[in-house]
């Protein structure tokens, strides 16, 4: 993962940024399923040009909020 988002102060403020591939590997899911997850309306992602990102803390919070729900992707 290469998160060259500026300086280390910016990285400390934002936290760790994850790509679709990072999430795919973390969750052991396929590429298509990872993209579908990022396309969910309530999934806290950021799209810059054609690439999606999610802050690691937001991913953890989203899982906590949805841990008892069935998420269909």
C-alpha atoms as a PDB file:
ATOM      1  CA  UNK A   1       0.000   0.000   0.000  1.00  0.00           C
ATOM      2  CA  UNK A   2       1.420   3.357  -1.002  1.00  0.00           C
ATOM      3  CA  UNK A   3      -0.402   6.242   0.657  1.00  0.00           C
ATOM      4  CA  UNK A   4       1.703   9.200  -0.398  1.00  0.00           C
ATOM      5  CA  UNK A   5      -0.788  11.824   0.653  1.00  0.00           C
ATOM      6  CA  UNK A   6       1.657  14.528   1.595  1.00  0.00           C
ATOM      7  CA  UNK A   7       3.536  14.863   4.811  1.00  0.00           C
ATOM      8  CA  UNK A   8       3.416  12.794   7.985  1.00  0.00           C
ATOM      9  CA  UNK A   9       1.298  15.418   9.783  1.00  0.00           C
ATOM     10  CA  UNK A  10      -1.423  14.938   7.165  1.00  0.00           C
ATOM     11  CA  UNK A  11      -1.175  11.166   7.561  1.00  0.00           C
ATOM     12  CA  UNK A  12      -1.527  11.456  11.341  1.00  0.00           C
ATOM     13  CA  UNK A  13      -4.605  13.643  10.939  1.00  0.00           C
ATOM     14  CA  UNK A  14      -6.353  11.456   8.360  1.00  0.00           C
ATOM     15  CA  UNK A  15      -5.215   8.099   9.638  1.00  0.00           C
ATOM     16  CA  UNK A  16      -4.516   5.181   7.356  1.00  0.00           C
ATOM     17  CA  UNK A  17      -6.164   5.381   3.927  1.00  0.00           C
ATOM     18  CA  UNK A  18      -7.158   2.064   2.389  1.00  0.00           C
ATOM     19  CA  UNK A  19      -7.760   1.293  -1.269  1.00  0.00           C
ATOM     20  CA  UNK A  20     -10.242  -1.188  -2.703  1.00  0.00           C
ATOM     21  CA  UNK A  21      -7.386  -3.674  -2.996  1.00  0.00           C
ATOM     22  CA  UNK A  22      -6.429  -3.172   0.666  1.00  0.00           C
ATOM     23  CA  UNK A  23     -10.017  -3.846   1.760  1.00  0.00           C
ATOM     24  CA  UNK A  24     -10.213  -6.849  -0.573  1.00  0.00           C
ATOM     25  CA  UNK A  25      -7.143  -8.368   1.020  1.00  0.00           C
ATOM     26  CA  UNK A  26      -8.210  -7.526   4.588  1.00  0.00           C
ATOM     27  CA  UNK A  27     -11.629  -9.147   4.131  1.00  0.00           C
ATOM     28  CA  UNK A  28     -10.465 -12.021   1.908  1.00  0.00           C
ATOM     29  CA  UNK A  29     -13.051 -11.194  -0.740  1.00  0.00           C
ATOM     30  CA  UNK A  30     -12.817 -10.893  -4.485  1.00  0.00           C
ATOM     31  CA  UNK A  31     -12.218  -7.700  -6.452  1.00  0.00           C
ATOM     32  CA  UNK A  32     -15.795  -7.450  -7.759  1.00  0.00           C
ATOM     33  CA  UNK A  33     -17.281  -7.912  -4.296  1.00  0.00           C
ATOM     34  CA  UNK A  34     -14.921  -5.277  -2.878  1.00  0.00           C
ATOM     35  CA  UNK A  35     -16.042  -2.768  -5.527  1.00  0.00           C
ATOM     36  CA  UNK A  36     -19.688  -3.563  -4.771  1.00  0.00           C
ATOM     37  CA  UNK A  37     -19.011  -2.852  -1.115  1.00  0.00           C
ATOM     38  CA  UNK A  38     -17.584   0.556  -2.040  1.00  0.00           C
ATOM     39  CA  UNK A  39     -20.687   1.265  -4.119  1.00  0.00           C
ATOM     40  CA  UNK A  40     -23.051   0.830  -1.163  1.00  0.00           C
ATOM     41  CA  UNK A  41     -24.733   4.119  -0.325  1.00  0.00           C
ATOM     42  CA  UNK A  42     -23.922   3.977   3.388  1.00  0.00           C
ATOM     43  CA  UNK A  43     -20.309   2.829   2.957  1.00  0.00           C
ATOM     44  CA  UNK A  44     -18.054   5.724   4.072  1.00  0.00           C
ATOM     45  CA  UNK A  45     -15.817   6.027   1.050  1.00  0.00           C
ATOM     46  CA  UNK A  46     -14.129   8.859  -0.794  1.00  0.00           C
ATOM     47  CA  UNK A  47     -13.744   8.822  -4.562  1.00  0.00           C
ATOM     48  CA  UNK A  48     -10.852  10.727  -6.069  1.00  0.00           C
ATOM     49  CA  UNK A  49     -10.947  10.643  -9.859  1.00  0.00           C
ATOM     50  CA  UNK A  50     -11.614   6.964 -10.541  1.00  0.00           C
ATOM     51  CA  UNK A  51     -10.168   5.521  -7.332  1.00  0.00           C
ATOM     52  CA  UNK A  52     -11.991   4.777  -4.084  1.00  0.00           C
ATOM     53  CA  UNK A  53     -10.501   5.177  -0.602  1.00  0.00           C
ATOM     54  CA  UNK A  54     -11.721   4.610   2.937  1.00  0.00           C
ATOM     55  CA  UNK A  55     -10.073   5.581   6.192  1.00  0.00           C
ATOM     56  CA  UNK A  56      -9.246   2.532   8.269  1.00  0.00           C
ATOM     57  CA  UNK A  57     -11.078   3.995  11.286  1.00  0.00           C
ATOM     58  CA  UNK A  58     -14.212   4.514   9.140  1.00  0.00           C
ATOM     59  CA  UNK A  59     -14.068   0.912   7.933  1.00  0.00           C
ATOM     60  CA  UNK A  60     -13.881  -0.344  11.520  1.00  0.00           C
ATOM     61  CA  UNK A  61     -16.744   1.953  12.585  1.00  0.00           C
ATOM     62  CA  UNK A  62     -18.866   0.808   9.616  1.00  0.00           C
ATOM     63  CA  UNK A  63     -18.311  -2.811  10.608  1.00  0.00           C
ATOM     64  CA  UNK A  64     -19.286  -2.059  14.198  1.00  0.00           C
ATOM     65  CA  UNK A  65     -22.511  -0.397  13.017  1.00  0.00           C
ATOM     66  CA  UNK A  66     -23.350  -3.272  10.670  1.00  0.00           C
ATOM     67  CA  UNK A  67     -22.078  -6.308  12.563  1.00  0.00           C
ATOM     68  CA  UNK A  68     -25.554  -7.726  13.164  1.00  0.00           C
ATOM     69  CA  UNK A  69     -26.901  -6.926   9.701  1.00  0.00           C
ATOM     70  CA  UNK A  70     -26.718  -8.921   6.521  1.00  0.00           C
ATOM     71  CA  UNK A  71     -24.960  -6.872   3.873  1.00  0.00           C
ATOM     72  CA  UNK A  72     -25.618  -8.125   0.369  1.00  0.00           C
ATOM     73  CA  UNK A  73     -22.913  -7.348  -2.147  1.00  0.00           C
END
